[in-house]
Amino acid sequence: MKSLWPTTTNTTPRPSEVSLRVVTMVMAGIMVEDVMAESMGGVMIAAAIGIIWLMAGVCCWRFSEQLKALGMTMLMLLPFAALGFAMASFTGGPQKELHPPGVMTATGTVAMAEAMTRSRQRIRFTPDGVGSKGTNVGGTNVGGANVKGDWRLIVPAEAASLSPGDRVTLTARLQHPLPRLLPGGFDFTAHALRHGFSATGFVREVEVTGQGDASTIAVMRYHLQQRIIAALPEEKAAVASALLVGLRGLITPGLREDFRASGLAHLLAISGLHMALFCGSVLFAIRLVLALFPVFSSRYPALKIAALASLPFGAFYLMVAGMPISAMRAFGMVCFVILAIVLDRRGMTLHHVAMMALILLLIDPDSLYDPAFQMSFAAVFAQVASWMIRQQYRITTVTTNPPGPGRKLMRYGGEIAAASLIASSASAPFVLYHFGVTTAWSVLANLAGMLLMGFIIMPAGVLAFLLMPLGLEPSAFFLMGQGIDPLTTVAARIAEFPLSSLHLPSPPAITLVLLTLAMVVPFMIRAVRVFIIPLLITGGLVCWIIQPLPQLAITNLHGRIYAVVINSDGEAVISRRKTNGFTRSVLLRPFGFATAQYAPDADGSECRRGYCLIPVKGTGQSPGEDKRIALVWRRFALTDACREADLVLAHVDALYPCSDGTAIIDPAGISTSGGILGYSDEAGFRLESVNKDG
């Protein structure tokens, strides 16, 4: 059986193999801490790691050569798993305390401000004394005045315009960040706490009382966005703001959906593409200027000088972008590339990718579960790995005729299409896991999008930054807008294509693990056999295909119950006619559906006064009949619903259980258990909740 790589007598591990093994063990340690620490306890896990380490040492000492090799490998790698476990355990993670909800009046400082649609603002508000000056308004019991953390607030259009550093006294209705709405879903509360927020809400009244201290970066981002807004129309300003300063509040839901459905949503989040184009534009400009002085450029390495000079510009871009994980990873890779140029080494290797992942994980172990971390590293790993394989098997041809401009352009377009296909394929499992939707047209959209980004939009953005000190940036922003206009047009047109939004059931976590191993293992273990890769891929896909799909989903959002049931015809039925797009997408994601019918309007629904019976697959109370789930909106209908249904989903509190023992889920139960997914089986319904103990 052949190996993926050509046979070689050199058994010394490559740097990329070592670094990939190390970062894999660190990831394993972080996952072990997350999954098993609460059930087994940190001491027990640490003891287990120690015992395995000792056994590896014994293998190195007493047994055969094969076991010695395995033991030596484990002896060297287990400490890194312990390091990942320790970092995840002792970094403390995000703060755990939320500010109680209610109407509050507080004095503090605006730490960050960004413009939003409909002339609103989103601010990061730091109350004085970490909340100790907050006072209750309107009789709401808020208690716990000393909760640490900032507030993320929406300021209405009619309120005063705020900027970072403003000292304000405001009245706001605070609420908790959204919890995990369904089992396996995104944890909005943990995300907010990780970023230092203890509450979200809406400002009712605000008064600016003076000026305080603010982060220089926050002030810079605010003023940069204001200059973009002043120079460009609203839609173009929204895209330019996202690309240059990482502030996406101006993007309308329709524009966001167009970019998502066309496969261009990644352009709105600053990542490796943006950093490479930004630094590349600076490097090209500096090298062009140096070329105007032939005496200097002939004596000194112009490329190395230009590369080093572009590094501070990249650091500046990273800071004004808000330092998201994807941009930090990209800047780290740019640093490695520039260092390689200076040292005359290869600029992009898997060793660099692994080292950047290791650095970010040691700084913030929780970032392992961040969608941006997973998708960003999956895409860049696949692109670098594919380049390595191409280099390994590349056939060099000698030609006397250099390629013309047309052939170069075709090659460039082909490279863009290939890179887009590789990145989309590598990140697709993670996109489906977190968002449940993908697109069939991303390669076509990116072919146009990359050309516009590379030749017009980002170079014009760099030029705008350079001209700002002179007040001449409007001309550069105008040029940038000329590139953004066709970009949004491409997004809108491709979003109208059939199959632009492919909604699929989210894959299980084991599928992500197996597909990731299929991508990583060949570059981590040189002797891996070729058949292992399709075996891992097949295993991951089989796990995805055979996973049981839920029959129902129910959650509590801001005190209102929302439910979706899959009826016996395989159609999604929703319990509320007026359900916003966000709630609808969250509820439909586990089923892989895009739309749902309101229960009374759905075929097969039997609706009576105050409730509807939805037939679902499975044997019901009588032989030959389908199971039936009751959606109940009125308390007086509970008795009849209990008698006729196999499961009752009540939108009102049940004052008593069903007399015949039929299971009933009501708002009080949802408040305790969290969101629920229900699976139909022969015994009835198997329910999984967010809070397993609820």
Foldseek 3Di string as FASTA:
>chain_A
DDFPADDDPDPDADLLLVLLLLLVLLLLLLVCLVPPCVPQNPVRVVVVLVVLLVVLVVQLPDDDPVSVVVSVVSNVRSVSSVLSNCLNVPVCAFDDAAFFWAKKKFKFFFQAWDAAPPQKIKTWTQGPQQQLRIDHPDPDDGPPRNHHFIETEIEHNVADDDAGFFIKIFIWGKDQFDAQFFVLADGRNSVCRNVGHRIYTYTDYMDGDGGGDYDPLRRVLHVVLVVLPVQDPQQLSQQLSLLQQNDNRSHDPVLCLLCQLQQNNVNSHDAQLSLCLQLVLQLVVQLVVVVVVVVVVVVDPSSLVSLVVSLVVLVSSCSSSVNDPRSQLNSQLSVQQSVCVVVVHDRDASSSLSVSSVVVCSVPVVCVPPLSSQLSSQLSLQVRVVVVSCVSPPDDDDDPDDDDPVVVVVVVLVVQLVSQVRSCVRSVLSCCSHQQKHAPNNSVLRSLVSVLCNPFQSSLVSVLVVCVVVPPNSVSSVRNSVSVVVSSVSSNVSSPDPRSIFGDARFDPLLVVLLVCLSSVCSNRVRDHPVSNVVSNVVSVVSRVPDAAFQKKWFADPNFIKMWGQAQVRAIEIADPDDDPVVVSSRCRNVRDDDHHHQVPDPPWDDDVFKIWGFHAAADPDGPGGAIEMEGEDQVCVQVRLVPHQEYEYRADHPDDHPVPRHYDYPVNCVVFRMWTWHQDHVGIDIDGNRNVD
